[in-house]
Amino acid sequence: MSNPLHPDATRAAAHPPAASAEAMDPPEAMEAREAELDTTQARGPFRAFRKAYRKARDWHCSRGRAAVVALRFALTGDSGRFRSHGGWMVSRIYKPR
């Protein structure tokens, strides 16, 4: 029982997806790309720490509290809840999924 008024009934069949450009690269290019990812991942925790520390300090947290928040964020990707904005707000820094 097909419905000719349904939008899918008039639409043509979809084409199969084309192969990605990465799949067609030579092995040397793939190795270079993997090395590039490794250097980026190695800097990740330090960048995450700096980002969270700066954000917590911008939100008027003390240096000690900002350091703890930044360390939790760098290790787990979530700072947990903490008091910010001079103690008037509860904030949280996290990586969106």
N, C-alpha and C. Protein backbone atom coordinates (compact mmCIF):
# COMPACT_ATOMS: atom_id res chain seq x y z
N MET A 1 0.84 -1.18 0.00
CA MET A 1 0.00 0.00 0.00
C MET A 1 0.88 1.24 0.00
N SER A 2 1.13 1.75 -1.14
CA SER A 2 1.93 2.96 -1.22
C SER A 2 0.99 4.16 -1.36
N ASN A 3 1.44 5.26 -0.87
CA ASN A 3 0.67 6.48 -0.93
C ASN A 3 1.35 7.42 -1.93
N PRO A 4 0.73 7.69 -3.08
CA PRO A 4 1.37 8.55 -4.07
C PRO A 4 1.49 10.00 -3.62
N LEU A 5 0.77 10.39 -2.56
CA LEU A 5 0.85 11.76 -2.06
C LEU A 5 1.97 11.95 -1.04
N HIS A 6 2.57 10.85 -0.58
CA HIS A 6 3.65 10.93 0.39
C HIS A 6 4.89 11.50 -0.29
N PRO A 7 5.64 12.40 0.39
CA PRO A 7 6.80 13.03 -0.27
C PRO A 7 7.85 12.03 -0.76
N ASP A 8 8.04 10.91 -0.08
CA ASP A 8 9.04 9.94 -0.48
C ASP A 8 8.64 9.20 -1.75
N ALA A 9 7.36 9.17 -2.09
CA ALA A 9 6.91 8.43 -3.26
C ALA A 9 7.33 9.13 -4.55
N THR A 10 7.46 10.43 -4.54
CA THR A 10 7.82 11.16 -5.76
C THR A 10 9.32 11.41 -5.86
N ARG A 11 10.05 11.21 -4.77
CA ARG A 11 11.48 11.47 -4.75
C ARG A 11 12.23 10.33 -5.41
N ALA A 12 13.22 10.64 -6.20
CA ALA A 12 14.03 9.61 -6.86
C ALA A 12 14.92 8.93 -5.83
N ALA A 13 15.37 7.74 -6.15
CA ALA A 13 16.24 7.00 -5.26
C ALA A 13 17.55 7.75 -5.07
N ALA A 14 18.09 7.72 -3.85
CA ALA A 14 19.33 8.43 -3.54
C ALA A 14 20.52 7.69 -4.14
N HIS A 15 21.52 8.46 -4.54
CA HIS A 15 22.74 7.87 -5.07
C HIS A 15 23.60 7.38 -3.93
N PRO A 16 24.39 6.33 -4.13
CA PRO A 16 25.28 5.87 -3.05
C PRO A 16 26.35 6.92 -2.79
N PRO A 17 26.83 7.03 -1.55
CA PRO A 17 27.83 8.05 -1.24
C PRO A 17 29.14 7.77 -1.97
N ALA A 18 29.81 8.82 -2.39
CA ALA A 18 31.09 8.69 -3.08
C ALA A 18 32.19 8.45 -2.05
N ALA A 19 33.29 7.85 -2.47
CA ALA A 19 34.42 7.60 -1.58
C ALA A 19 35.02 8.93 -1.17
N SER A 20 35.43 9.03 0.08
CA SER A 20 36.02 10.27 0.56
C SER A 20 37.42 10.45 0.00
N ALA A 21 37.87 11.67 0.02
CA ALA A 21 39.21 11.97 -0.50
C ALA A 21 40.28 11.34 0.38
N GLU A 22 40.01 11.24 1.69
CA GLU A 22 40.97 10.64 2.61
C GLU A 22 41.21 9.17 2.29
N ALA A 23 40.17 8.46 1.85
CA ALA A 23 40.30 7.04 1.56
C ALA A 23 41.17 6.81 0.33
N MET A 24 41.30 7.81 -0.53
CA MET A 24 42.05 7.65 -1.77
C MET A 24 43.47 8.20 -1.66
N ASP A 25 43.87 8.74 -0.49
CA ASP A 25 45.21 9.28 -0.31
C ASP A 25 46.25 8.17 -0.27
N PRO A 26 47.48 8.46 -0.71
CA PRO A 26 48.55 7.47 -0.59
C PRO A 26 48.93 7.28 0.88
N PRO A 27 49.61 6.19 1.21
CA PRO A 27 49.97 5.92 2.62
C PRO A 27 50.82 7.02 3.24
N GLU A 28 51.68 7.69 2.46
CA GLU A 28 52.52 8.75 3.02
C GLU A 28 51.67 9.91 3.54
N ALA A 29 50.63 10.25 2.80
CA ALA A 29 49.76 11.34 3.22
C ALA A 29 48.99 10.96 4.49
N MET A 30 48.62 9.70 4.58
CA MET A 30 47.90 9.26 5.78
C MET A 30 48.81 9.32 7.00
N GLU A 31 50.09 8.94 6.85
CA GLU A 31 51.03 9.01 7.97
C GLU A 31 51.25 10.44 8.41
N ALA A 32 51.34 11.37 7.47
CA ALA A 32 51.52 12.78 7.80
C ALA A 32 50.31 13.31 8.56
N ARG A 33 49.11 12.90 8.12
CA ARG A 33 47.90 13.33 8.80
C ARG A 33 47.84 12.79 10.23
N GLU A 34 48.25 11.52 10.42
CA GLU A 34 48.25 10.94 11.76
C GLU A 34 49.25 11.65 12.66
N ALA A 35 50.43 12.01 12.13
CA ALA A 35 51.42 12.73 12.91
C ALA A 35 50.88 14.10 13.31
N GLU A 36 50.15 14.75 12.39
CA GLU A 36 49.56 16.05 12.70
C GLU A 36 48.55 15.91 13.82
N LEU A 37 47.73 14.86 13.80
CA LEU A 37 46.75 14.65 14.86
C LEU A 37 47.43 14.40 16.19
N ASP A 38 48.55 13.66 16.18
CA ASP A 38 49.25 13.37 17.43
C ASP A 38 49.76 14.64 18.09
N THR A 39 50.31 15.58 17.33
CA THR A 39 50.81 16.81 17.93
C THR A 39 49.66 17.66 18.46
N THR A 40 48.54 17.66 17.77
CA THR A 40 47.38 18.41 18.25
C THR A 40 46.84 17.80 19.53
N GLN A 41 46.76 16.49 19.59
CA GLN A 41 46.24 15.83 20.78
C GLN A 41 47.19 16.01 21.96
N ALA A 42 48.50 16.06 21.69
CA ALA A 42 49.46 16.23 22.77
C ALA A 42 49.30 17.60 23.42
N ARG A 43 48.94 18.62 22.64
CA ARG A 43 48.76 19.96 23.21
C ARG A 43 47.39 20.13 23.82
N GLY A 44 46.49 19.20 23.60
CA GLY A 44 45.11 19.33 24.03
C GLY A 44 44.90 19.64 25.49
N PRO A 45 45.48 18.85 26.41
CA PRO A 45 45.23 19.12 27.83
C PRO A 45 45.75 20.48 28.28
N PHE A 46 46.88 20.93 27.72
CA PHE A 46 47.43 22.22 28.11
C PHE A 46 46.54 23.35 27.60
N ARG A 47 46.06 23.21 26.37
CA ARG A 47 45.14 24.22 25.85
C ARG A 47 43.85 24.24 26.64
N ALA A 48 43.36 23.06 26.99
CA ALA A 48 42.13 22.98 27.76
C ALA A 48 42.31 23.64 29.12
N PHE A 49 43.47 23.41 29.74
CA PHE A 49 43.73 24.03 31.04
C PHE A 49 43.74 25.55 30.91
N ARG A 50 44.47 26.06 29.89
CA ARG A 50 44.54 27.51 29.70
C ARG A 50 43.17 28.11 29.43
N LYS A 51 42.39 27.43 28.60
CA LYS A 51 41.06 27.93 28.26
C LYS A 51 40.17 28.02 29.50
N ALA A 52 40.15 26.94 30.28
CA ALA A 52 39.29 26.92 31.47
C ALA A 52 39.79 27.89 32.53
N TYR A 53 41.10 27.98 32.71
CA TYR A 53 41.65 28.91 33.71
C TYR A 53 41.28 30.34 33.35
N ARG A 54 41.48 30.71 32.07
CA ARG A 54 41.18 32.07 31.63
C ARG A 54 39.69 32.37 31.80
N LYS A 55 38.85 31.40 31.45
CA LYS A 55 37.41 31.62 31.55
C LYS A 55 36.99 31.79 33.02
N ALA A 56 37.53 30.95 33.90
CA ALA A 56 37.19 31.06 35.33
C ALA A 56 37.68 32.39 35.89
N ARG A 57 38.87 32.82 35.50
CA ARG A 57 39.37 34.11 35.97
C ARG A 57 38.54 35.26 35.42
N ASP A 58 38.08 35.13 34.17
CA ASP A 58 37.20 36.15 33.59
C ASP A 58 35.88 36.23 34.34
N TRP A 59 35.48 35.08 34.93
CA TRP A 59 34.24 35.05 35.69
C TRP A 59 34.47 35.39 37.16
N HIS A 60 35.60 36.02 37.48
CA HIS A 60 35.92 36.55 38.80
C HIS A 60 36.08 35.47 39.86
N CYS A 61 36.73 34.36 39.51
CA CYS A 61 37.10 33.34 40.49
C CYS A 61 38.51 33.67 41.00
N SER A 62 38.83 33.18 42.19
CA SER A 62 40.19 33.36 42.70
C SER A 62 41.16 32.52 41.88
N ARG A 63 42.46 32.82 42.02
CA ARG A 63 43.46 32.06 41.26
C ARG A 63 43.44 30.58 41.64
N GLY A 64 43.33 30.31 42.92
CA GLY A 64 43.31 28.91 43.38
C GLY A 64 42.10 28.15 42.86
N ARG A 65 40.93 28.74 42.97
CA ARG A 65 39.72 28.10 42.49
C ARG A 65 39.78 27.91 40.97
N ALA A 66 40.29 28.91 40.25
CA ALA A 66 40.40 28.81 38.80
C ALA A 66 41.36 27.69 38.41
N ALA A 67 42.44 27.50 39.17
CA ALA A 67 43.39 26.43 38.88
C ALA A 67 42.76 25.06 39.10
N VAL A 68 42.00 24.90 40.16
CA VAL A 68 41.33 23.61 40.42
C VAL A 68 40.30 23.32 39.34
N VAL A 69 39.53 24.32 38.99
CA VAL A 69 38.51 24.18 37.94
C VAL A 69 39.17 23.82 36.61
N ALA A 70 40.24 24.50 36.27
CA ALA A 70 40.95 24.25 35.01
C ALA A 70 41.56 22.85 34.99
N LEU A 71 42.10 22.39 36.10
CA LEU A 71 42.68 21.05 36.17
C LEU A 71 41.59 19.99 35.96
N ARG A 72 40.46 20.16 36.64
CA ARG A 72 39.36 19.21 36.44
C ARG A 72 38.88 19.20 35.00
N PHE A 73 38.79 20.39 34.38
CA PHE A 73 38.35 20.47 33.00
C PHE A 73 39.35 19.81 32.06
N ALA A 74 40.66 20.04 32.29
CA ALA A 74 41.69 19.47 31.42
C ALA A 74 41.72 17.95 31.52
N LEU A 75 41.47 17.40 32.70
CA LEU A 75 41.55 15.94 32.88
C LEU A 75 40.28 15.22 32.44
N THR A 76 39.12 15.82 32.67
CA THR A 76 37.87 15.11 32.43
C THR A 76 36.99 15.73 31.35
N GLY A 77 37.25 16.98 30.97
CA GLY A 77 36.39 17.66 30.01
C GLY A 77 35.19 18.32 30.65
N ASP A 78 35.14 18.30 31.99
CA ASP A 78 34.03 18.92 32.72
C ASP A 78 34.59 19.48 34.01
N SER A 79 34.31 20.74 34.29
CA SER A 79 34.86 21.37 35.49
C SER A 79 34.04 21.06 36.73
N GLY A 80 32.82 20.60 36.54
CA GLY A 80 31.92 20.48 37.68
C GLY A 80 31.37 21.86 38.01
N ARG A 81 30.48 21.91 38.98
CA ARG A 81 29.89 23.20 39.34
C ARG A 81 30.80 23.94 40.31
N PHE A 82 30.92 25.25 40.13
CA PHE A 82 31.74 26.06 41.01
C PHE A 82 31.15 27.46 41.10
N ARG A 83 31.42 28.13 42.20
CA ARG A 83 30.92 29.50 42.38
C ARG A 83 31.76 30.46 41.56
N SER A 84 31.09 31.36 40.89
CA SER A 84 31.79 32.34 40.04
C SER A 84 31.09 33.68 40.14
N HIS A 85 31.56 34.62 39.36
CA HIS A 85 31.00 35.97 39.31
C HIS A 85 30.92 36.58 40.71
N GLY A 86 32.03 36.46 41.43
CA GLY A 86 32.10 37.05 42.77
C GLY A 86 31.25 36.32 43.78
N GLY A 87 30.91 35.06 43.55
CA GLY A 87 30.10 34.28 44.48
C GLY A 87 28.62 34.37 44.23
N TRP A 88 28.21 35.11 43.22
CA TRP A 88 26.78 35.31 42.96
C TRP A 88 26.18 34.27 42.03
N MET A 89 27.02 33.51 41.32
CA MET A 89 26.50 32.51 40.39
C MET A 89 27.22 31.18 40.56
N VAL A 90 26.57 30.12 40.14
CA VAL A 90 27.19 28.80 40.06
C VAL A 90 27.36 28.50 38.58
N SER A 91 28.59 28.19 38.17
CA SER A 91 28.89 27.98 36.75
C SER A 91 29.49 26.60 36.54
N ARG A 92 29.62 26.24 35.29
CA ARG A 92 30.21 24.96 34.90
C ARG A 92 30.81 25.12 33.51
N ILE A 93 32.02 24.59 33.31
CA ILE A 93 32.67 24.62 32.00
C ILE A 93 32.73 23.17 31.53
N TYR A 94 32.24 22.91 30.32
CA TYR A 94 32.26 21.54 29.79
C TYR A 94 32.41 21.55 28.29
N LYS A 95 32.82 20.43 27.75
CA LYS A 95 32.93 20.26 26.30
C LYS A 95 31.59 19.74 25.78
N PRO A 96 30.98 20.41 24.84
CA PRO A 96 29.72 19.89 24.30
C PRO A 96 29.95 18.59 23.54
N ARG A 97 29.00 17.71 23.60
CA ARG A 97 29.14 16.40 22.92
C ARG A 97 28.39 16.39 21.64
